[in-house]
Amino acid sequence: MTAIAKKRVESRIARHERVRKAVNGTPERPRLAVRRTLSNMIAQIIDDVSHKSLVQVATSSKEFQQKFGELTKTEQSKKLGNLIADEAKAKGITTVVFDRGGFIYHGRVKALAEGARESGLQF
């Protein structure tokens, strides 16, 4: 890893730690955490009080790739947002706190958030 790449990762982690001081998921309003890699996105709804993951979906899963594998990464992120919102509503979760994980609210992270909002998840 080059020095520039290492600094970028360290900066993202610092941003995430700074935001996590204020953003906590409760049983009434759990946290929607987003993880972005070069090729995939992972979205998780977490109750920080009981330290439990309530819902998790990822673009790397076989089912997701069979349905949406031909789409671009940004379009897949939007579908992932729709999917996490639908699964959350099935478990009775309607409002969440959005945790972008230190990533910039742009591109795939923004598409995931917009997809979740379109499907009825409030944050």
Protein backbone atom coordinates (compact mmCIF):
# COMPACT_ATOMS: atom_id res chain seq x y z
CA MET A 1 0.00 0.00 0.00
CA THR A 2 1.42 3.34 -0.99
CA ALA A 3 1.72 6.20 1.44
CA ILE A 4 -1.11 8.12 -0.24
CA ALA A 5 -3.47 5.12 -0.13
CA LYS A 6 -2.58 4.48 3.51
CA LYS A 7 -3.32 8.11 4.41
CA ARG A 8 -6.68 7.94 2.59
CA VAL A 9 -7.70 4.81 4.55
CA GLU A 10 -6.53 6.31 7.85
CA SER A 11 -8.50 9.51 7.13
CA ARG A 12 -11.66 7.52 6.39
CA ILE A 13 -11.28 5.57 9.62
CA ALA A 14 -10.75 8.80 11.58
CA ARG A 15 -13.90 10.31 10.04
CA HIS A 16 -15.86 7.17 10.87
CA GLU A 17 -14.68 7.13 14.50
CA ARG A 18 -15.52 10.82 14.88
CA VAL A 19 -19.04 10.34 13.52
CA ARG A 20 -19.66 7.15 15.54
CA LYS A 21 -19.33 9.15 18.76
CA ALA A 22 -22.67 10.78 17.90
CA VAL A 23 -24.41 8.15 15.75
CA ASN A 24 -25.75 5.19 17.75
CA GLY A 25 -28.45 2.72 16.91
CA THR A 26 -31.20 2.03 19.43
CA PRO A 27 -33.91 -0.64 19.36
CA GLU A 28 -36.43 2.04 18.30
CA ARG A 29 -34.12 3.57 15.68
CA PRO A 30 -31.29 1.23 14.63
CA ARG A 31 -28.22 2.25 12.64
CA LEU A 32 -27.94 1.65 8.87
CA ALA A 33 -24.21 1.09 8.37
CA VAL A 34 -22.69 1.17 4.88
CA ARG A 35 -19.42 -0.47 3.84
CA ARG A 36 -18.01 0.21 0.39
CA THR A 37 -15.24 -1.76 -1.27
CA LEU A 38 -13.86 -1.39 -4.77
CA SER A 39 -16.26 -3.96 -6.17
CA ASN A 40 -19.05 -4.43 -3.59
CA MET A 41 -21.34 -2.69 -1.12
CA ILE A 42 -22.57 -4.06 2.19
CA ALA A 43 -25.51 -2.57 4.10
CA GLN A 44 -26.33 -3.61 7.64
CA ILE A 45 -28.98 -2.51 10.13
CA ILE A 46 -27.55 -2.72 13.64
CA ASP A 47 -28.95 -2.34 17.15
CA ASP A 48 -25.96 -0.94 19.08
CA VAL A 49 -27.60 -1.42 22.49
CA SER A 50 -27.83 -5.20 22.18
CA HIS A 51 -24.89 -5.41 19.71
CA LYS A 52 -26.97 -7.32 17.17
CA SER A 53 -27.18 -7.14 13.41
CA LEU A 54 -30.87 -7.10 12.49
CA VAL A 55 -30.64 -7.12 8.68
CA GLN A 56 -27.69 -7.48 6.32
CA VAL A 57 -27.49 -7.48 2.52
CA ALA A 58 -24.52 -7.32 0.16
CA THR A 59 -23.96 -6.98 -3.56
CA SER A 60 -21.56 -9.94 -3.40
CA SER A 61 -24.27 -12.48 -2.50
CA LYS A 62 -25.21 -15.07 -5.13
CA GLU A 63 -28.90 -14.15 -5.12
CA PHE A 64 -28.15 -10.45 -5.63
CA GLN A 65 -25.66 -11.14 -8.44
CA GLN A 66 -28.12 -13.44 -10.22
CA LYS A 67 -30.78 -10.70 -10.23
CA PHE A 68 -28.71 -7.53 -10.69
CA GLY A 69 -25.23 -8.66 -11.75
CA GLU A 70 -25.41 -6.98 -15.16
CA LEU A 71 -26.09 -3.50 -13.72
CA THR A 72 -23.41 -0.90 -13.02
CA LYS A 73 -22.06 -0.61 -9.46
CA THR A 74 -24.08 2.57 -8.81
CA GLU A 75 -27.29 0.96 -10.06
CA GLN A 76 -26.55 -2.11 -7.93
CA SER A 77 -26.14 0.17 -4.90
CA LYS A 78 -29.56 1.68 -5.51
CA LYS A 79 -31.10 -1.80 -5.75
CA LEU A 80 -29.26 -2.72 -2.54
CA GLY A 81 -30.90 0.26 -0.82
CA ASN A 82 -34.31 -0.90 -2.04
CA LEU A 83 -33.59 -4.41 -0.81
CA ILE A 84 -32.40 -3.38 2.67
CA ALA A 85 -35.46 -1.16 3.09
CA ASP A 86 -37.81 -3.97 2.08
CA GLU A 87 -36.16 -6.43 4.49
CA ALA A 88 -36.21 -3.82 7.27
CA LYS A 89 -39.91 -3.14 6.76
CA ALA A 90 -40.55 -6.90 6.90
CA LYS A 91 -38.94 -6.89 10.37
CA GLY A 92 -40.95 -3.84 11.46
CA ILE A 93 -38.17 -1.25 11.13
CA THR A 94 -39.31 2.04 9.58
CA THR A 95 -36.78 4.64 10.80
CA VAL A 96 -33.01 4.34 11.03
CA VAL A 97 -29.92 6.45 11.63
CA PHE A 98 -27.69 6.56 8.53
CA ASP A 99 -24.00 5.77 9.10
CA ARG A 100 -22.01 6.28 5.91
CA GLY A 101 -18.91 4.75 7.50
CA GLY A 102 -16.62 7.70 6.85
CA PHE A 103 -17.25 7.50 3.12
CA ILE A 104 -18.20 10.64 1.20
CA TYR A 105 -21.97 10.97 0.59
CA HIS A 106 -21.56 10.72 -3.16
CA GLY A 107 -21.87 8.10 -5.86
CA ARG A 108 -22.63 4.60 -4.59
CA VAL A 109 -23.21 5.64 -0.96
CA LYS A 110 -25.70 8.29 -2.08
CA ALA A 111 -27.40 5.83 -4.46
CA LEU A 112 -27.86 3.32 -1.63
CA ALA A 113 -29.37 6.00 0.63
CA GLU A 114 -31.73 7.22 -2.12
CA GLY A 115 -32.83 3.66 -2.88
CA ALA A 116 -33.61 3.01 0.79
CA ARG A 117 -35.57 6.28 1.04
CA GLU A 118 -37.55 5.46 -2.12
CA SER A 119 -38.60 2.14 -0.59
CA GLY A 120 -39.95 3.85 2.51
CA LEU A 121 -37.10 3.77 5.02
CA GLN A 122 -36.87 7.07 6.92
CA PHE A 123 -33.64 8.74 8.04
